Amino acid sequence: MGVLEDIFGFITSGSIGGIPPIVVMIIPFVIGLVVGFFIKKMFKIAIIAAIILVVASYLGFFGLSLAALSDLADKYGPIAIQYGVLLMGMLPLGLGLIVGLIIGFIFS
């Protein structure tokens, strides 16, 4: 129980750059809520766009190849992993952002 008391003591007392620690921890959560809300809205648009893309590809307006998709994954995959590691590097703030994303996505 001593660890929990130390954590709650840090959260409720002191300051980080003049800002209370609880505020610093809430900011990523709120940002996650907003981003999760917009991701859900954009996901609906992305599904419609993907259906239109598949139909256009099926009708021959342009071609989709696995080689092109593989090249894109090779090009942008490491960058996505790098940003994911950066987000997890600030673990307490990253967890608040991820929880906010999940809640914003589910309850929007």
N, C-alpha and C. Protein backbone atom coordinates (compact mmCIF):
# COMPACT_ATOMS: atom_id res chain seq x y z
N MET A 1 0.82 -1.19 0.00
CA MET A 1 0.00 0.00 0.00
C MET A 1 0.87 1.26 0.00
N GLY A 2 2.11 1.15 0.35
CA GLY A 2 2.99 2.32 0.39
C GLY A 2 3.21 2.91 -0.99
N VAL A 3 3.25 2.06 -2.02
CA VAL A 3 3.46 2.54 -3.38
C VAL A 3 2.27 3.36 -3.84
N LEU A 4 1.06 2.87 -3.55
CA LEU A 4 -0.14 3.60 -3.94
C LEU A 4 -0.22 4.95 -3.24
N GLU A 5 0.17 4.98 -1.97
CA GLU A 5 0.16 6.25 -1.25
C GLU A 5 1.16 7.22 -1.85
N ASP A 6 2.32 6.72 -2.27
CA ASP A 6 3.31 7.59 -2.91
C ASP A 6 2.79 8.13 -4.24
N ILE A 7 2.13 7.28 -5.02
CA ILE A 7 1.60 7.72 -6.32
C ILE A 7 0.51 8.76 -6.12
N PHE A 8 -0.44 8.49 -5.22
CA PHE A 8 -1.51 9.46 -4.98
C PHE A 8 -0.96 10.74 -4.36
N GLY A 9 0.09 10.62 -3.55
CA GLY A 9 0.73 11.80 -2.99
C GLY A 9 1.37 12.65 -4.07
N PHE A 10 1.99 12.01 -5.07
CA PHE A 10 2.59 12.75 -6.17
C PHE A 10 1.52 13.44 -7.02
N ILE A 11 0.43 12.73 -7.27
CA ILE A 11 -0.63 13.28 -8.12
C ILE A 11 -1.30 14.48 -7.46
N THR A 12 -1.51 14.42 -6.16
CA THR A 12 -2.26 15.48 -5.49
C THR A 12 -1.40 16.61 -4.95
N SER A 13 -0.08 16.47 -4.96
CA SER A 13 0.75 17.54 -4.42
C SER A 13 1.86 17.88 -5.41
N GLY A 14 2.46 19.03 -5.20
CA GLY A 14 3.56 19.44 -6.06
C GLY A 14 3.08 20.04 -7.36
N SER A 15 4.06 20.25 -8.26
CA SER A 15 3.71 20.80 -9.56
C SER A 15 4.78 20.42 -10.57
N ILE A 16 4.38 20.39 -11.82
CA ILE A 16 5.30 20.13 -12.93
C ILE A 16 5.28 21.38 -13.79
N GLY A 17 6.32 22.17 -13.67
CA GLY A 17 6.37 23.42 -14.41
C GLY A 17 5.28 24.39 -14.00
N GLY A 18 4.88 24.36 -12.75
CA GLY A 18 3.82 25.24 -12.27
C GLY A 18 2.42 24.72 -12.49
N ILE A 19 2.30 23.55 -13.13
CA ILE A 19 0.99 22.96 -13.41
C ILE A 19 0.84 21.74 -12.51
N PRO A 20 -0.32 21.57 -11.86
CA PRO A 20 -0.52 20.38 -11.02
C PRO A 20 -0.39 19.10 -11.84
N PRO A 21 0.19 18.05 -11.28
CA PRO A 21 0.38 16.80 -12.03
C PRO A 21 -0.90 16.18 -12.55
N ILE A 22 -2.00 16.35 -11.83
CA ILE A 22 -3.26 15.76 -12.28
C ILE A 22 -3.70 16.39 -13.60
N VAL A 23 -3.44 17.68 -13.77
CA VAL A 23 -3.79 18.36 -15.03
C VAL A 23 -2.92 17.84 -16.16
N VAL A 24 -1.63 17.64 -15.88
CA VAL A 24 -0.72 17.11 -16.89
C VAL A 24 -1.15 15.71 -17.32
N MET A 25 -1.72 14.93 -16.41
CA MET A 25 -2.17 13.58 -16.75
C MET A 25 -3.54 13.58 -17.44
N ILE A 26 -4.35 14.59 -17.21
CA ILE A 26 -5.69 14.63 -17.80
C ILE A 26 -5.64 15.11 -19.26
N ILE A 27 -4.68 15.96 -19.59
CA ILE A 27 -4.62 16.52 -20.94
C ILE A 27 -4.54 15.44 -22.02
N PRO A 28 -3.64 14.43 -21.93
CA PRO A 28 -3.64 13.39 -22.96
C PRO A 28 -4.94 12.59 -23.01
N PHE A 29 -5.59 12.40 -21.86
CA PHE A 29 -6.86 11.68 -21.84
C PHE A 29 -7.93 12.44 -22.63
N VAL A 30 -8.01 13.74 -22.43
CA VAL A 30 -8.99 14.55 -23.14
C VAL A 30 -8.67 14.57 -24.63
N ILE A 31 -7.39 14.69 -24.97
CA ILE A 31 -6.99 14.65 -26.38
C ILE A 31 -7.37 13.29 -26.98
N GLY A 32 -7.19 12.22 -26.23
CA GLY A 32 -7.57 10.89 -26.69
C GLY A 32 -9.07 10.77 -26.92
N LEU A 33 -9.87 11.38 -26.05
CA LEU A 33 -11.32 11.36 -26.24
C LEU A 33 -11.71 12.04 -27.55
N VAL A 34 -11.12 13.20 -27.81
CA VAL A 34 -11.44 13.94 -29.03
C VAL A 34 -10.98 13.18 -30.26
N VAL A 35 -9.76 12.67 -30.22
CA VAL A 35 -9.22 11.93 -31.37
C VAL A 35 -10.02 10.65 -31.61
N GLY A 36 -10.39 9.95 -30.55
CA GLY A 36 -11.20 8.74 -30.69
C GLY A 36 -12.56 9.03 -31.31
N PHE A 37 -13.16 10.15 -30.94
CA PHE A 37 -14.43 10.56 -31.53
C PHE A 37 -14.27 10.78 -33.03
N PHE A 38 -13.21 11.51 -33.42
CA PHE A 38 -13.01 11.80 -34.83
C PHE A 38 -12.59 10.55 -35.62
N ILE A 39 -11.86 9.65 -34.98
CA ILE A 39 -11.49 8.40 -35.66
C ILE A 39 -12.74 7.60 -36.00
N LYS A 40 -13.69 7.53 -35.07
CA LYS A 40 -14.91 6.78 -35.34
C LYS A 40 -15.69 7.42 -36.49
N LYS A 41 -15.76 8.73 -36.52
CA LYS A 41 -16.47 9.41 -37.61
C LYS A 41 -15.74 9.18 -38.94
N MET A 42 -14.42 9.25 -38.94
CA MET A 42 -13.65 9.06 -40.17
C MET A 42 -13.67 7.59 -40.60
N PHE A 43 -13.83 6.68 -39.64
CA PHE A 43 -13.88 5.25 -39.97
C PHE A 43 -15.10 4.94 -40.84
N LYS A 44 -16.21 5.60 -40.54
CA LYS A 44 -17.41 5.40 -41.36
C LYS A 44 -17.16 5.86 -42.79
N ILE A 45 -16.51 7.00 -42.93
CA ILE A 45 -16.19 7.53 -44.27
C ILE A 45 -15.19 6.61 -44.96
N ALA A 46 -14.22 6.08 -44.21
CA ALA A 46 -13.21 5.19 -44.79
C ALA A 46 -13.83 3.89 -45.31
N ILE A 47 -14.83 3.39 -44.62
CA ILE A 47 -15.50 2.16 -45.09
C ILE A 47 -16.19 2.42 -46.43
N ILE A 48 -16.88 3.55 -46.52
CA ILE A 48 -17.55 3.88 -47.78
C ILE A 48 -16.52 4.08 -48.89
N ALA A 49 -15.42 4.77 -48.59
CA ALA A 49 -14.38 4.99 -49.59
C ALA A 49 -13.75 3.67 -50.02
N ALA A 50 -13.55 2.74 -49.09
CA ALA A 50 -12.96 1.44 -49.43
C ALA A 50 -13.90 0.65 -50.34
N ILE A 51 -15.19 0.72 -50.08
CA ILE A 51 -16.15 0.01 -50.94
C ILE A 51 -16.12 0.60 -52.35
N ILE A 52 -16.09 1.93 -52.44
CA ILE A 52 -16.01 2.57 -53.76
C ILE A 52 -14.70 2.21 -54.45
N LEU A 53 -13.61 2.14 -53.71
CA LEU A 53 -12.31 1.78 -54.27
C LEU A 53 -12.31 0.35 -54.81
N VAL A 54 -12.89 -0.57 -54.07
CA VAL A 54 -12.95 -1.96 -54.52
C VAL A 54 -13.82 -2.09 -55.76
N VAL A 55 -14.94 -1.41 -55.79
CA VAL A 55 -15.82 -1.46 -56.96
C VAL A 55 -15.12 -0.85 -58.17
N ALA A 56 -14.45 0.28 -57.99
CA ALA A 56 -13.74 0.91 -59.10
C ALA A 56 -12.60 0.03 -59.60
N SER A 57 -11.92 -0.65 -58.69
CA SER A 57 -10.86 -1.57 -59.09
C SER A 57 -11.43 -2.77 -59.82
N TYR A 58 -12.56 -3.28 -59.36
CA TYR A 58 -13.19 -4.43 -59.99
C TYR A 58 -13.64 -4.09 -61.41
N LEU A 59 -14.13 -2.88 -61.60
CA LEU A 59 -14.59 -2.45 -62.91
C LEU A 59 -13.43 -2.06 -63.84
N GLY A 60 -12.22 -2.01 -63.31
CA GLY A 60 -11.05 -1.77 -64.14
C GLY A 60 -10.65 -0.32 -64.30
N PHE A 61 -11.15 0.57 -63.48
CA PHE A 61 -10.76 1.97 -63.59
C PHE A 61 -9.31 2.18 -63.16
N PHE A 62 -8.84 1.41 -62.24
CA PHE A 62 -7.42 1.39 -61.86
C PHE A 62 -7.13 0.06 -61.20
N GLY A 63 -5.86 -0.25 -61.06
CA GLY A 63 -5.48 -1.55 -60.54
C GLY A 63 -4.88 -1.48 -59.14
N LEU A 64 -5.19 -2.47 -58.36
CA LEU A 64 -4.57 -2.63 -57.05
C LEU A 64 -3.68 -3.86 -57.11
N SER A 65 -2.46 -3.71 -56.65
CA SER A 65 -1.56 -4.86 -56.64
C SER A 65 -0.99 -5.04 -55.24
N LEU A 66 -0.76 -6.28 -54.89
CA LEU A 66 -0.17 -6.55 -53.57
C LEU A 66 1.26 -6.04 -53.50
N ALA A 67 1.95 -5.97 -54.64
CA ALA A 67 3.32 -5.46 -54.64
C ALA A 67 3.34 -3.98 -54.26
N ALA A 68 2.38 -3.21 -54.78
CA ALA A 68 2.32 -1.79 -54.43
C ALA A 68 1.97 -1.60 -52.95
N LEU A 69 1.06 -2.41 -52.45
CA LEU A 69 0.71 -2.31 -51.04
C LEU A 69 1.88 -2.74 -50.16
N SER A 70 2.62 -3.73 -50.61
CA SER A 70 3.80 -4.18 -49.87
C SER A 70 4.86 -3.08 -49.84
N ASP A 71 5.04 -2.39 -50.95
CA ASP A 71 6.00 -1.28 -50.98
C ASP A 71 5.60 -0.17 -50.01
N LEU A 72 4.30 0.13 -49.95
CA LEU A 72 3.83 1.15 -49.01
C LEU A 72 4.06 0.71 -47.56
N ALA A 73 3.83 -0.56 -47.28
CA ALA A 73 4.05 -1.08 -45.92
C ALA A 73 5.54 -1.03 -45.58
N ASP A 74 6.39 -1.34 -46.54
CA ASP A 74 7.84 -1.27 -46.29
C ASP A 74 8.30 0.16 -46.08
N LYS A 75 7.67 1.09 -46.78
CA LYS A 75 8.08 2.49 -46.68
C LYS A 75 7.59 3.14 -45.39
N TYR A 76 6.30 2.96 -45.07
CA TYR A 76 5.71 3.67 -43.94
C TYR A 76 5.56 2.84 -42.67
N GLY A 77 5.80 1.55 -42.73
CA GLY A 77 5.69 0.70 -41.55
C GLY A 77 6.65 1.08 -40.44
N PRO A 78 7.96 1.24 -40.74
CA PRO A 78 8.90 1.62 -39.68
C PRO A 78 8.58 2.98 -39.05
N ILE A 79 8.05 3.89 -39.84
CA ILE A 79 7.70 5.21 -39.30
C ILE A 79 6.54 5.06 -38.31
N ALA A 80 5.55 4.25 -38.64
CA ALA A 80 4.42 4.03 -37.74
C ALA A 80 4.89 3.37 -36.45
N ILE A 81 5.79 2.42 -36.56
CA ILE A 81 6.32 1.75 -35.36
C ILE A 81 7.11 2.74 -34.51
N GLN A 82 7.88 3.61 -35.16
CA GLN A 82 8.66 4.61 -34.43
C GLN A 82 7.74 5.53 -33.62
N TYR A 83 6.64 5.98 -34.21
CA TYR A 83 5.72 6.84 -33.47
C TYR A 83 5.00 6.08 -32.37
N GLY A 84 4.72 4.81 -32.59
CA GLY A 84 4.11 3.99 -31.54
C GLY A 84 5.05 3.84 -30.35
N VAL A 85 6.32 3.62 -30.62
CA VAL A 85 7.31 3.51 -29.55
C VAL A 85 7.45 4.83 -28.82
N LEU A 86 7.41 5.94 -29.55
CA LEU A 86 7.49 7.25 -28.93
C LEU A 86 6.31 7.48 -28.00
N LEU A 87 5.12 7.06 -28.43
CA LEU A 87 3.93 7.21 -27.60
C LEU A 87 4.04 6.35 -26.34
N MET A 88 4.53 5.14 -26.48
CA MET A 88 4.67 4.27 -25.32
C MET A 88 5.85 4.68 -24.44
N GLY A 89 6.77 5.49 -24.98
CA GLY A 89 7.90 5.98 -24.20
C GLY A 89 7.44 6.87 -23.06
N MET A 90 6.38 7.62 -23.30
CA MET A 90 5.80 8.44 -22.25
C MET A 90 4.62 7.67 -21.68
N LEU A 91 4.91 6.55 -21.06
CA LEU A 91 3.90 5.56 -20.69
C LEU A 91 2.72 6.12 -19.89
N PRO A 92 2.92 6.87 -18.82
CA PRO A 92 1.73 7.35 -18.11
C PRO A 92 0.86 8.23 -18.98
N LEU A 93 1.47 9.10 -19.76
CA LEU A 93 0.70 9.97 -20.64
C LEU A 93 0.14 9.17 -21.81
N GLY A 94 0.92 8.20 -22.32
CA GLY A 94 0.47 7.36 -23.42
C GLY A 94 -0.72 6.51 -23.04
N LEU A 95 -0.72 6.00 -21.82
CA LEU A 95 -1.86 5.20 -21.37
C LEU A 95 -3.12 6.04 -21.27
N GLY A 96 -2.99 7.27 -20.79
CA GLY A 96 -4.15 8.15 -20.74
C GLY A 96 -4.69 8.44 -22.13
N LEU A 97 -3.78 8.61 -23.09
CA LEU A 97 -4.20 8.86 -24.46
C LEU A 97 -4.90 7.65 -25.05
N ILE A 98 -4.36 6.47 -24.81
CA ILE A 98 -4.95 5.24 -25.35
C ILE A 98 -6.31 4.97 -24.71
N VAL A 99 -6.42 5.16 -23.40
CA VAL A 99 -7.71 4.97 -22.73
C VAL A 99 -8.72 5.98 -23.27
N GLY A 100 -8.29 7.23 -23.46
CA GLY A 100 -9.17 8.23 -24.03
C GLY A 100 -9.59 7.88 -25.44
N LEU A 101 -8.67 7.35 -26.25
CA LEU A 101 -9.00 6.92 -27.60
C LEU A 101 -10.08 5.84 -27.59
N ILE A 102 -9.89 4.85 -26.73
CA ILE A 102 -10.85 3.74 -26.66
C ILE A 102 -12.22 4.24 -26.21
N ILE A 103 -12.25 5.05 -25.16
CA ILE A 103 -13.54 5.56 -24.67
C ILE A 103 -14.19 6.48 -25.70
N GLY A 104 -13.39 7.33 -26.32
CA GLY A 104 -13.95 8.22 -27.34
C GLY A 104 -14.46 7.46 -28.55
N PHE A 105 -13.78 6.38 -28.90
CA PHE A 105 -14.21 5.58 -30.05
C PHE A 105 -15.49 4.81 -29.74
N ILE A 106 -15.58 4.25 -28.55
CA ILE A 106 -16.74 3.41 -28.21
C ILE A 106 -17.98 4.25 -27.94
N PHE A 107 -17.83 5.35 -27.20
CA PHE A 107 -19.00 6.10 -26.75
C PHE A 107 -19.34 7.32 -27.59
N SER A 108 -18.80 7.44 -28.78
CA SER A 108 -19.16 8.60 -29.61
C SER A 108 -20.37 8.29 -30.47
